[in-house]
Amino acid sequence: MALRRLWFLALIFSAPVLCLAFVDSVPAGIAGGKASLAEREHHLWSSPVHDSEFAALSHPAALAACGAVQPPQALATPDPLLDERDLNSRASVSFIIGTDGRVHSALILESAGPNEDRTILDAVRFWRYRPALCNGVPTESEAKVEFSSR
C-alpha cells in the first residue's frame, strides 16, 4: 500500500537521470552548436538561390567602424511550396541573418494570404546563409525577399 503512494517520488527522482542520459546520447559537435561552419554546411542541401536585397548597416558609427563589408551568401534556400492556382499572388518577407547564418525574426511585409504566408515563413526559417562579414568578423544583416507565382 505504501508503494502505491510513493510511486510519484520515484518518478521525480529518476527524471533528471533520464534527461542526462538523453543529453549525453546527442553528438556534442552538432547539439552544442560547436560544429564548424564547414560541418554545418555539409549537413545542408543545396537549392536555387533567391534574389535578395541586403540592407546596409543602419548605424553610422557601425558603418564607419566597418571598413571591409562582405554581404551574406546563400547556402540553402529551398523554395516554399505555394499554391499555383492563384497566378497573381505575390508576397515579400523581411528577416535577419544572424552571425550563425540562421534566419531570425522573419516578418511578412506583403501578404499573399494566410496559408501562403505560413508556408513562406516555415520555408524561410530553414534557410541557411554564410553570414555577412565586417572586417572579417561575422555580423548580423537584414534581407528582403519577394515571392511571386508568375
Protein backbone atom coordinates (compact mmCIF):
# COMPACT_ATOMS: atom_id res chain seq x y z
CA MET A 1 0.00 0.00 0.00
CA ALA A 2 2.85 2.39 0.83
CA LEU A 3 4.44 1.73 -2.57
CA ARG A 4 1.31 2.90 -4.34
CA ARG A 5 1.54 6.24 -2.56
CA LEU A 6 5.25 6.77 -3.24
CA TRP A 7 5.41 5.99 -6.98
CA PHE A 8 5.48 9.69 -7.86
CA LEU A 9 8.61 10.21 -5.71
CA ALA A 10 10.42 7.55 -7.71
CA LEU A 11 9.36 9.33 -10.89
CA ILE A 12 10.52 12.74 -9.65
CA PHE A 13 13.95 11.45 -8.61
CA SER A 14 14.54 9.37 -11.75
CA ALA A 15 13.53 12.08 -14.28
CA PRO A 16 16.80 14.09 -14.05
CA VAL A 17 18.82 10.91 -14.57
CA LEU A 18 16.81 10.06 -17.69
CA CYS A 19 17.25 13.59 -19.05
CA LEU A 20 21.01 13.48 -18.53
CA ALA A 21 21.20 10.15 -20.34
CA PHE A 22 19.36 11.66 -23.32
CA VAL A 23 21.64 14.73 -23.47
CA ASP A 24 24.74 12.53 -23.39
CA SER A 25 23.48 10.48 -26.34
CA VAL A 26 23.33 13.51 -28.72
CA PRO A 27 26.57 14.18 -30.67
CA ALA A 28 28.34 17.05 -28.90
CA GLY A 29 29.51 18.86 -32.04
CA ILE A 30 26.04 19.26 -33.54
CA ALA A 31 23.87 19.68 -30.44
CA GLY A 32 26.17 22.02 -28.58
CA GLY A 33 26.46 24.41 -31.50
CA LYS A 34 30.22 23.80 -31.60
CA ALA A 35 30.24 22.43 -35.13
CA SER A 36 32.35 24.40 -37.56
CA LEU A 37 30.75 26.26 -40.42
CA ALA A 38 32.04 23.64 -42.85
CA GLU A 39 30.41 20.85 -40.84
CA ARG A 40 27.09 22.72 -40.73
CA GLU A 41 27.27 23.35 -44.49
CA HIS A 42 27.88 19.66 -45.04
CA HIS A 43 24.51 18.85 -43.43
CA LEU A 44 22.58 21.26 -45.62
CA TRP A 45 21.12 20.59 -49.03
CA SER A 46 21.70 22.86 -51.98
CA SER A 47 18.92 24.55 -53.92
CA PRO A 48 18.35 27.57 -56.15
CA VAL A 49 19.26 30.92 -54.66
CA HIS A 50 16.63 33.65 -54.45
CA ASP A 51 17.27 37.25 -55.40
CA SER A 52 17.72 39.07 -52.13
CA GLU A 53 18.29 42.65 -51.14
CA PHE A 54 20.63 43.11 -48.21
CA ALA A 55 20.22 46.28 -46.19
CA ALA A 56 23.20 48.45 -45.44
CA LEU A 57 24.33 48.85 -41.85
CA SER A 58 21.88 51.27 -40.28
CA HIS A 59 24.01 52.84 -37.56
CA PRO A 60 26.55 55.43 -38.86
CA ALA A 61 29.14 54.53 -36.21
CA ALA A 62 28.91 50.87 -37.20
CA LEU A 63 29.38 51.77 -40.87
CA ALA A 64 32.46 53.87 -40.09
CA ALA A 65 33.98 51.11 -37.95
CA CYS A 66 33.46 48.51 -40.68
CA GLY A 67 35.99 49.01 -43.45
CA ALA A 68 35.56 45.79 -45.43
CA VAL A 69 31.94 44.62 -45.76
CA GLN A 70 31.08 41.29 -47.37
CA PRO A 71 27.34 40.53 -47.84
CA PRO A 72 25.87 37.20 -46.74
CA GLN A 73 25.93 34.28 -49.16
CA ALA A 74 23.00 31.90 -49.54
CA LEU A 75 23.84 28.27 -48.81
CA ALA A 76 20.41 26.60 -48.72
CA THR A 77 17.21 28.39 -49.68
CA PRO A 78 14.61 25.81 -50.74
CA ASP A 79 11.52 27.25 -52.40
CA PRO A 80 8.29 27.24 -50.41
CA LEU A 81 5.54 25.08 -51.89
CA LEU A 82 2.98 27.74 -52.81
CA ASP A 83 -0.47 27.15 -54.27
CA GLU A 84 -0.09 27.53 -58.04
CA ARG A 85 -3.79 28.15 -58.69
CA ASP A 86 -3.51 31.86 -57.86
CA LEU A 87 -1.29 33.21 -60.64
CA ASN A 88 -1.21 36.77 -59.30
CA SER A 89 -0.18 36.01 -55.73
CA ARG A 90 2.78 37.99 -54.51
CA ALA A 91 4.46 38.15 -51.12
CA SER A 92 7.55 39.69 -49.60
CA VAL A 93 9.32 38.78 -46.39
CA SER A 94 11.99 40.53 -44.35
CA PHE A 95 14.35 38.74 -41.96
CA ILE A 96 17.62 38.97 -40.07
CA ILE A 97 20.55 36.71 -40.93
CA GLY A 98 22.35 36.03 -37.66
CA THR A 99 26.04 35.57 -37.07
CA ASP A 100 25.40 31.81 -37.13
CA GLY A 101 23.88 32.00 -40.65
CA ARG A 102 20.37 31.17 -39.46
CA VAL A 103 17.28 33.23 -40.23
CA HIS A 104 15.80 35.16 -37.31
CA SER A 105 12.77 37.46 -36.97
CA ALA A 106 11.09 36.61 -40.27
CA LEU A 107 8.25 39.05 -40.98
CA ILE A 108 5.74 39.17 -43.84
CA LEU A 109 5.79 42.63 -45.47
CA GLU A 110 3.35 41.92 -48.30
CA SER A 111 0.80 39.17 -47.75
CA ALA A 112 -0.31 36.54 -50.26
CA GLY A 113 -2.93 35.11 -47.91
CA PRO A 114 -2.76 33.35 -44.54
CA ASN A 115 -1.92 29.87 -45.85
CA GLU A 116 0.73 31.11 -48.27
CA ASP A 117 2.25 33.37 -45.60
CA ARG A 118 2.54 30.45 -43.19
CA THR A 119 4.16 28.31 -45.91
CA ILE A 120 6.64 31.05 -46.77
CA LEU A 121 7.60 31.69 -43.14
CA ASP A 122 8.04 27.95 -42.50
CA ALA A 123 10.37 27.66 -45.50
CA VAL A 124 12.35 30.84 -44.77
CA ARG A 125 13.08 29.78 -41.19
CA PHE A 126 15.05 26.80 -42.54
CA TRP A 127 17.18 28.84 -44.94
CA ARG A 128 20.90 28.98 -44.21
CA TYR A 129 23.46 31.60 -45.16
CA ARG A 130 27.13 32.27 -44.76
CA PRO A 131 26.86 35.38 -42.54
CA ALA A 132 27.85 38.88 -43.62
CA LEU A 133 31.37 39.87 -42.63
CA CYS A 134 32.52 43.19 -41.21
CA ASN A 135 36.33 43.34 -41.24
CA GLY A 136 36.32 39.53 -41.38
CA VAL A 137 34.02 39.14 -38.35
CA PRO A 138 30.54 37.60 -38.81
CA THR A 139 27.80 40.17 -38.26
CA GLU A 140 24.01 40.29 -38.48
CA SER A 141 22.37 41.60 -41.65
CA GLU A 142 18.84 42.22 -42.86
CA ALA A 143 17.39 40.74 -46.05
CA LYS A 144 14.19 41.19 -48.04
CA VAL A 145 12.94 38.53 -50.47
CA GLU A 146 9.95 38.73 -52.81
CA PHE A 147 7.95 35.71 -53.97
CA SER A 148 5.56 35.62 -56.91
CA SER A 149 3.81 32.79 -58.70
CA ARG A 150 4.41 34.29 -62.14
